[in-house]
């Protein structure tokens, strides 16, 4: 009789243990385990990381990290961590969370424009993907890559067409650069290449001119007309005499670093630089800024006209007055110069 009681007690203990184990397994797999109030949270898992680092990022997001550990180990996630950006939704179970961070790498939207140097571009991209700015800049400047694909130091920035693109967050610097080359080649389709050919320009030259056009005017409606002015000058072997190129050349000099040139003066026209389009005929060696697609297409679809000059319109800020003759242009230019003087803008 006593022996039967012992067996019964053991059986009851076994049932309790089994029940506890079953509850523990149920809790580990099927009970909501999120500790945040928002509808969702994101986890960024770096390349070559281990489970301990993933665990550290999850602790603030989960109610019970121990049950998560148990299930992660059972599902072999602890030895199969994958880099990327992952979403955890409110009230997800441990099972749901593990499934998400194991197989649901979320693309991120990477966008950029107005990054007027490779350094600025690298900094901008580094805020959106895992690769840091140093590694990005290194691959941007890779001389072997540039030479192989027809670029050089002056034209390299032109390979990056400003837009929005989808990437995985854990994209490497090299993969980002290579994808941008693919996007560049897609952008320069047969239609755009044919338009460039008809304008007697290659893609690098189109981008260089587009960068000038954009710096002259942010108004999309008049960019094709400004492009037409420069095309007329190029066709007639005139110097472009583009003020933005003087600013670009000036900012390269120690004297002008940290300054803001609001008014181009005669002294700027004397700067010895291949980007000085007052001294040199033709296009500069490369782009002076990152042009938007609208500016590139403005060059490719330049307005055909007989204008050779333009000056900022004092009565319509942001727009320009166009002229066919030098005398007309001088009148427009004097009007704008008087406006600058009245505003106290001397340099």
Protein backbone atom coordinates (compact mmCIF):
# COMPACT_ATOMS: atom_id res chain seq x y z
CA UNK A 1 0.00 0.00 0.00
CA UNK A 2 2.81 2.35 0.93
CA UNK A 3 4.60 1.46 -2.32
CA UNK A 4 1.49 2.30 -4.32
CA UNK A 5 1.35 5.72 -2.67
CA UNK A 6 4.93 6.34 -3.67
CA UNK A 7 4.19 5.38 -7.25
CA UNK A 8 1.12 7.60 -7.24
CA UNK A 9 3.16 10.50 -5.85
CA UNK A 10 5.82 9.99 -8.50
CA UNK A 11 3.17 9.85 -11.19
CA UNK A 12 1.61 13.08 -9.92
CA UNK A 13 4.98 14.79 -9.79
CA UNK A 14 5.63 13.56 -13.32
CA UNK A 15 2.33 14.99 -14.46
CA UNK A 16 3.12 18.31 -12.80
CA UNK A 17 6.55 18.39 -14.45
CA UNK A 18 5.06 17.42 -17.80
CA UNK A 19 2.36 20.06 -17.41
CA UNK A 20 4.97 22.67 -16.51
CA UNK A 21 7.13 21.62 -19.44
CA UNK A 22 4.13 21.73 -21.77
CA UNK A 23 3.22 25.18 -20.47
CA UNK A 24 6.82 26.32 -20.86
CA UNK A 25 6.94 25.07 -24.45
CA UNK A 26 3.56 26.66 -25.14
CA UNK A 27 4.72 29.94 -23.63
CA UNK A 28 7.96 29.82 -25.60
CA UNK A 29 6.18 29.26 -28.88
CA UNK A 30 2.65 30.62 -28.78
CA UNK A 31 2.32 33.34 -26.11
CA UNK A 32 2.85 36.97 -27.25
CA UNK A 33 6.26 38.12 -26.06
CA UNK A 34 6.69 41.72 -27.18
CA UNK A 35 7.29 44.52 -24.67
CA UNK A 36 6.90 47.63 -26.87
CA UNK A 37 3.76 49.74 -27.31
CA UNK A 38 4.17 50.69 -30.96
CA UNK A 39 2.64 48.53 -33.67
CA UNK A 40 6.06 47.38 -34.80
CA UNK A 41 9.78 47.58 -34.09
CA UNK A 42 12.81 47.04 -36.28
CA UNK A 43 15.93 45.01 -35.61
CA UNK A 44 19.14 45.69 -37.52
CA UNK A 45 21.48 42.72 -37.58
CA UNK A 46 24.97 43.48 -38.80
CA UNK A 47 27.01 41.22 -41.05
CA UNK A 48 29.22 38.66 -39.30
CA UNK A 49 27.42 39.19 -36.00
CA UNK A 50 26.57 36.40 -33.55
CA UNK A 51 23.53 35.44 -31.53
CA UNK A 52 24.72 37.24 -28.41
CA UNK A 53 24.60 40.59 -30.21
CA UNK A 54 21.18 39.81 -31.64
CA UNK A 55 20.06 38.91 -28.15
CA UNK A 56 21.28 42.26 -26.80
CA UNK A 57 19.18 44.14 -29.35
CA UNK A 58 16.13 42.00 -28.55
CA UNK A 59 16.20 42.31 -24.75
CA UNK A 60 14.49 45.77 -24.68
CA UNK A 61 11.83 44.52 -27.08
CA UNK A 62 10.80 41.27 -25.38
CA UNK A 63 9.04 40.44 -22.13
CA UNK A 64 10.90 37.21 -21.55
CA UNK A 65 14.28 36.72 -23.22
CA UNK A 66 14.78 33.32 -21.59
CA UNK A 67 11.87 31.65 -23.37
CA UNK A 68 13.10 33.22 -26.59
CA UNK A 69 16.59 31.79 -25.97
CA UNK A 70 15.14 28.34 -25.44
CA UNK A 71 13.16 28.36 -28.67
CA UNK A 72 15.97 30.02 -30.66
CA UNK A 73 18.27 27.22 -29.58
CA UNK A 74 15.72 24.54 -30.37
CA UNK A 75 15.10 26.01 -33.85
CA UNK A 76 18.88 26.32 -34.39
CA UNK A 77 18.64 30.06 -34.92
CA UNK A 78 21.48 30.64 -32.45
CA UNK A 79 23.90 29.15 -34.98
CA UNK A 80 22.23 30.51 -38.11
CA UNK A 81 22.04 34.30 -37.67
CA UNK A 82 21.46 36.29 -40.86
CA UNK A 83 22.24 39.98 -41.38
CA UNK A 84 19.59 42.45 -42.43
CA UNK A 85 16.73 44.68 -41.32
CA UNK A 86 13.82 42.80 -39.76
CA UNK A 87 10.40 43.72 -38.44
CA UNK A 88 8.85 42.57 -35.17
CA UNK A 89 5.15 43.31 -34.82
CA UNK A 90 3.34 43.94 -31.57
CA UNK A 91 2.13 40.75 -29.85
CA UNK A 92 4.25 38.44 -31.97
CA UNK A 93 5.16 35.12 -30.34
CA UNK A 94 8.72 33.88 -30.05
CA UNK A 95 8.03 31.52 -32.92
CA UNK A 96 6.80 34.39 -35.11
CA UNK A 97 9.79 36.55 -34.16
CA UNK A 98 12.31 33.85 -34.99
CA UNK A 99 10.63 33.15 -38.32
CA UNK A 100 10.71 36.86 -39.11
CA UNK A 101 14.34 37.56 -38.25
CA UNK A 102 15.46 34.41 -39.98
CA UNK A 103 13.79 34.83 -43.35
CA UNK A 104 12.09 38.21 -43.74
CA UNK A 105 14.93 40.60 -44.61
CA UNK A 106 13.16 43.87 -45.41
CA UNK A 107 14.38 46.07 -48.30
CA UNK A 108 15.09 49.69 -47.44
CA UNK A 109 14.54 52.65 -49.71
CA UNK A 110 17.82 54.43 -50.42
CA UNK A 111 17.48 57.91 -51.88
CA UNK A 112 19.90 60.71 -52.67
CA UNK A 113 20.22 63.95 -54.62
CA UNK A 114 22.22 67.16 -54.38
CA UNK A 115 25.25 65.29 -53.05
CA UNK A 116 27.84 67.37 -54.83
CA UNK A 117 30.88 65.25 -54.07
CA UNK A 118 31.68 61.58 -53.59
CA UNK A 119 32.43 62.35 -49.94
CA UNK A 120 28.96 63.81 -49.38
CA UNK A 121 27.36 60.93 -51.28
CA UNK A 122 29.20 58.36 -49.16
CA UNK A 123 28.02 60.08 -45.99
CA UNK A 124 24.44 60.17 -47.22
CA UNK A 125 24.35 56.50 -48.22
CA UNK A 126 26.04 55.37 -44.99
CA UNK A 127 23.01 56.68 -43.08
CA UNK A 128 20.73 54.35 -45.03
CA UNK A 129 22.60 51.02 -45.31
CA UNK A 130 25.06 49.07 -43.19
CA UNK A 131 28.19 50.05 -45.15
CA UNK A 132 30.09 52.95 -43.57
CA UNK A 133 31.17 56.10 -45.37
CA UNK A 134 34.86 55.16 -45.38
CA UNK A 135 34.30 51.86 -47.17
CA UNK A 136 31.85 53.49 -49.58
CA UNK A 137 34.25 56.28 -50.49
CA UNK A 138 37.04 53.76 -50.99
CA UNK A 139 35.09 51.78 -53.60
CA UNK A 140 33.75 54.98 -55.21
CA UNK A 141 37.36 56.05 -55.84
CA UNK A 142 38.67 52.65 -56.92
CA UNK A 143 40.84 53.58 -59.89
CA UNK A 144 40.62 50.11 -61.44
CA UNK A 145 36.82 50.20 -61.33
CA UNK A 146 36.70 53.72 -62.76
CA UNK A 147 39.08 52.96 -65.62
CA UNK A 148 37.37 49.69 -66.47
CA UNK A 149 33.99 51.42 -66.77
CA UNK A 150 35.08 54.56 -68.57
CA UNK A 151 35.11 57.03 -65.67
CA UNK A 152 37.79 59.13 -64.06
CA UNK A 153 38.14 61.27 -60.95
CA UNK A 154 36.34 64.21 -62.57
CA UNK A 155 33.40 62.19 -63.93
CA UNK A 156 32.98 59.53 -61.22
CA UNK A 157 30.13 61.34 -59.43
CA UNK A 158 28.12 61.28 -62.67
CA UNK A 159 27.67 57.52 -62.38
CA UNK A 160 25.25 58.00 -59.48
CA UNK A 161 21.85 58.94 -60.87
CA UNK A 162 19.85 60.63 -58.09
CA UNK A 163 16.67 58.72 -57.37
CA UNK A 164 15.16 56.25 -54.89
CA UNK A 165 16.28 52.64 -54.99
CA UNK A 166 15.53 49.49 -53.01
CA UNK A 167 18.41 47.74 -51.26
CA UNK A 168 18.77 45.29 -48.42
CA UNK A 169 20.09 47.15 -45.39
CA UNK A 170 23.13 44.85 -45.15
CA UNK A 171 24.29 45.71 -48.69
CA UNK A 172 28.07 46.04 -48.87
CA UNK A 173 29.83 49.13 -50.21
CA UNK A 174 31.00 47.27 -53.30
CA UNK A 175 27.52 45.86 -53.99
CA UNK A 176 26.00 49.33 -53.68
CA UNK A 177 28.50 50.78 -56.16
CA UNK A 178 28.01 47.92 -58.62
CA UNK A 179 24.23 48.30 -58.45
CA UNK A 180 24.62 52.01 -59.20
CA UNK A 181 26.62 51.14 -62.31
CA UNK A 182 23.77 48.87 -63.40
CA UNK A 183 21.26 51.68 -62.79
CA UNK A 184 23.49 54.10 -64.73
CA UNK A 185 23.55 51.77 -67.73
CA UNK A 186 19.78 51.37 -67.55
CA UNK A 187 19.35 55.13 -67.41
CA UNK A 188 21.49 55.62 -70.50
CA UNK A 189 19.15 53.66 -72.74
CA UNK A 190 19.12 53.83 -76.53
CA UNK A 191 16.74 56.80 -76.54
CA UNK A 192 18.91 58.96 -74.30
CA UNK A 193 22.11 57.90 -76.07
CA UNK A 194 20.62 58.86 -79.43
CA UNK A 195 19.58 62.28 -78.12
CA UNK A 196 23.07 62.81 -76.75
CA UNK A 197 24.58 61.85 -80.10
CA UNK A 198 22.35 64.35 -81.92
CA UNK A 199 23.58 67.06 -79.54
CA UNK A 200 27.15 65.95 -80.33
CA UNK A 201 27.71 65.00 -76.68
CA UNK A 202 28.56 61.80 -74.82
CA UNK A 203 26.91 60.87 -71.49
CA UNK A 204 29.72 62.39 -69.39
CA UNK A 205 29.40 65.65 -71.31
CA UNK A 206 25.63 65.66 -70.96
CA UNK A 207 25.93 65.23 -67.20
CA UNK A 208 28.61 67.94 -66.98
CA UNK A 209 26.39 70.38 -68.87
CA UNK A 210 23.34 69.32 -66.85
CA UNK A 211 25.20 70.14 -63.65
CA UNK A 212 25.80 73.67 -64.95
CA UNK A 213 22.18 74.05 -66.06
CA UNK A 214 20.91 72.96 -62.64
CA UNK A 215 23.24 75.36 -60.84
CA UNK A 216 22.02 78.16 -63.09
CA UNK A 217 18.33 77.45 -62.49
CA UNK A 218 16.27 75.16 -60.29
CA UNK A 219 13.20 75.98 -62.41
CA UNK A 220 12.46 72.86 -64.46
CA UNK A 221 10.36 74.89 -66.88
CA UNK A 222 13.31 76.97 -68.08
CA UNK A 223 16.12 74.43 -67.82
CA UNK A 224 15.68 73.27 -71.47
CA UNK A 225 15.95 76.90 -72.63
CA UNK A 226 19.15 77.46 -70.61
CA UNK A 227 20.51 74.20 -72.01
CA UNK A 228 19.71 75.53 -75.47
CA UNK A 229 21.80 78.64 -74.81
CA UNK A 230 24.82 76.55 -73.91
CA UNK A 231 24.28 74.21 -76.87
CA UNK A 232 24.28 77.30 -79.14
CA UNK A 233 27.55 78.47 -77.62
CA UNK A 234 29.14 75.03 -78.00
CA UNK A 235 28.03 74.75 -81.63
CA UNK A 236 29.57 78.14 -82.39
CA UNK A 237 32.78 77.41 -80.47
CA UNK A 238 32.07 80.10 -77.89
CA UNK A 239 33.26 79.82 -74.30
CA UNK A 240 30.36 78.78 -72.09
CA UNK A 241 31.03 81.64 -69.64
CA UNK A 242 29.01 79.86 -66.97
CA UNK A 243 29.24 81.58 -63.59
CA UNK A 244 28.63 78.36 -61.59
CA UNK A 245 31.87 76.93 -62.97
CA UNK A 246 33.74 79.95 -61.57
CA UNK A 247 32.27 79.31 -58.14
CA UNK A 248 33.26 75.65 -58.38
CA UNK A 249 36.82 76.61 -59.33
CA UNK A 250 36.99 79.21 -56.55
CA UNK A 251 35.82 76.82 -53.83
CA UNK A 252 38.72 74.54 -54.73
CA UNK A 253 41.13 77.27 -53.58
CA UNK A 254 42.07 77.72 -49.90
CA UNK A 255 41.21 81.41 -50.18
CA UNK A 256 37.53 80.70 -50.74
CA UNK A 257 36.97 77.63 -48.57
CA UNK A 258 34.34 78.26 -45.94
CA UNK A 259 33.00 81.29 -47.82
CA UNK A 260 29.79 81.82 -49.80
CA UNK A 261 30.08 83.55 -53.16
CA UNK A 262 26.81 85.34 -53.85
CA UNK A 263 28.08 87.54 -56.65
CA UNK A 264 30.57 86.52 -59.34
CA UNK A 265 33.21 89.22 -59.86
CA UNK A 266 35.92 89.84 -62.47
CA UNK A 267 38.52 88.47 -60.07
CA UNK A 268 36.81 85.08 -60.24
CA UNK A 269 37.12 85.11 -64.03
CA UNK A 270 40.90 85.17 -63.68
CA UNK A 271 41.12 81.93 -61.67
CA UNK A 272 43.46 79.48 -63.37
CA UNK A 273 41.41 76.29 -63.54
CA UNK A 274 40.16 73.89 -66.23
CA UNK A 275 36.71 74.62 -64.77
CA UNK A 276 36.97 78.33 -65.64
CA UNK A 277 34.64 78.43 -68.65
CA UNK A 278 35.49 82.08 -69.25
CA UNK A 279 39.11 81.20 -70.01
CA UNK A 280 38.53 77.78 -71.59
CA UNK A 281 36.36 76.92 -74.58
CA UNK A 282 34.11 73.89 -74.31
CA UNK A 283 32.85 71.88 -71.37
CA UNK A 284 34.76 71.52 -68.10
CA UNK A 285 36.47 68.17 -67.34
CA UNK A 286 33.52 66.91 -65.34
CA UNK A 287 30.36 67.80 -63.50
CA UNK A 288 30.35 70.60 -60.91
CA UNK A 289 27.36 69.24 -58.98
CA UNK A 290 25.05 66.23 -58.96
CA UNK A 291 22.31 67.09 -61.48
CA UNK A 292 18.77 65.86 -61.06
CA UNK A 293 17.28 63.68 -63.78
CA UNK A 294 15.21 66.69 -64.86
CA UNK A 295 18.38 68.66 -65.62
CA UNK A 296 19.92 65.76 -67.55
CA UNK A 297 16.76 65.39 -69.60
CA UNK A 298 16.65 69.17 -70.08
CA UNK A 299 20.02 68.94 -71.85
CA UNK A 300 18.92 65.94 -73.90
CA UNK A 301 15.71 67.79 -74.84
CA UNK A 302 17.22 71.26 -75.10
CA UNK A 303 15.07 74.00 -76.56
CA UNK A 304 16.01 75.01 -80.08
CA UNK A 305 16.18 78.81 -80.30
CA UNK A 306 18.47 81.73 -81.19
CA UNK A 307 19.32 82.86 -77.66
CA UNK A 308 22.99 83.16 -76.76
CA UNK A 309 22.66 84.99 -73.45
CA UNK A 310 20.64 84.97 -70.25
CA UNK A 311 20.70 86.92 -67.00
CA UNK A 312 18.83 86.53 -63.72
CA UNK A 313 15.49 88.34 -63.67
CA UNK A 314 15.46 90.91 -60.86
CA UNK A 315 11.65 91.15 -60.97
CA UNK A 316 11.10 87.38 -60.99
CA UNK A 317 13.52 85.69 -58.57
CA UNK A 318 14.62 82.25 -59.66
CA UNK A 319 13.97 82.92 -63.34
CA UNK A 320 15.98 84.49 -66.14
CA UNK A 321 15.74 86.92 -69.05
CA UNK A 322 17.06 85.63 -72.36
CA UNK A 323 18.66 87.64 -75.13
CA UNK A 324 19.81 87.10 -78.70
CA UNK A 325 22.29 89.98 -78.83
CA UNK A 326 25.01 91.19 -76.51
CA UNK A 327 23.45 94.65 -76.21
CA UNK A 328 20.16 93.15 -75.04
CA UNK A 329 22.01 90.95 -72.60
CA UNK A 330 24.07 93.83 -71.19
CA UNK A 331 20.87 95.71 -70.46
CA UNK A 332 19.41 92.70 -68.64
CA UNK A 333 22.66 92.10 -66.77
CA UNK A 334 22.94 95.73 -65.62
CA UNK A 335 19.39 95.59 -64.31
CA UNK A 336 20.23 92.55 -62.20
CA UNK A 337 23.52 94.02 -61.01
CA UNK A 338 21.69 97.11 -59.80
CA UNK A 339 19.30 94.84 -57.93
CA UNK A 340 22.20 93.05 -56.21
CA UNK A 341 23.76 96.36 -55.23
CA UNK A 342 20.45 97.55 -53.80
CA UNK A 343 20.31 94.37 -51.73
CA UNK A 344 23.80 95.06 -50.41
CA UNK A 345 25.27 92.00 -52.13
CA UNK A 346 28.79 92.99 -53.11
CA UNK A 347 30.50 89.60 -53.41
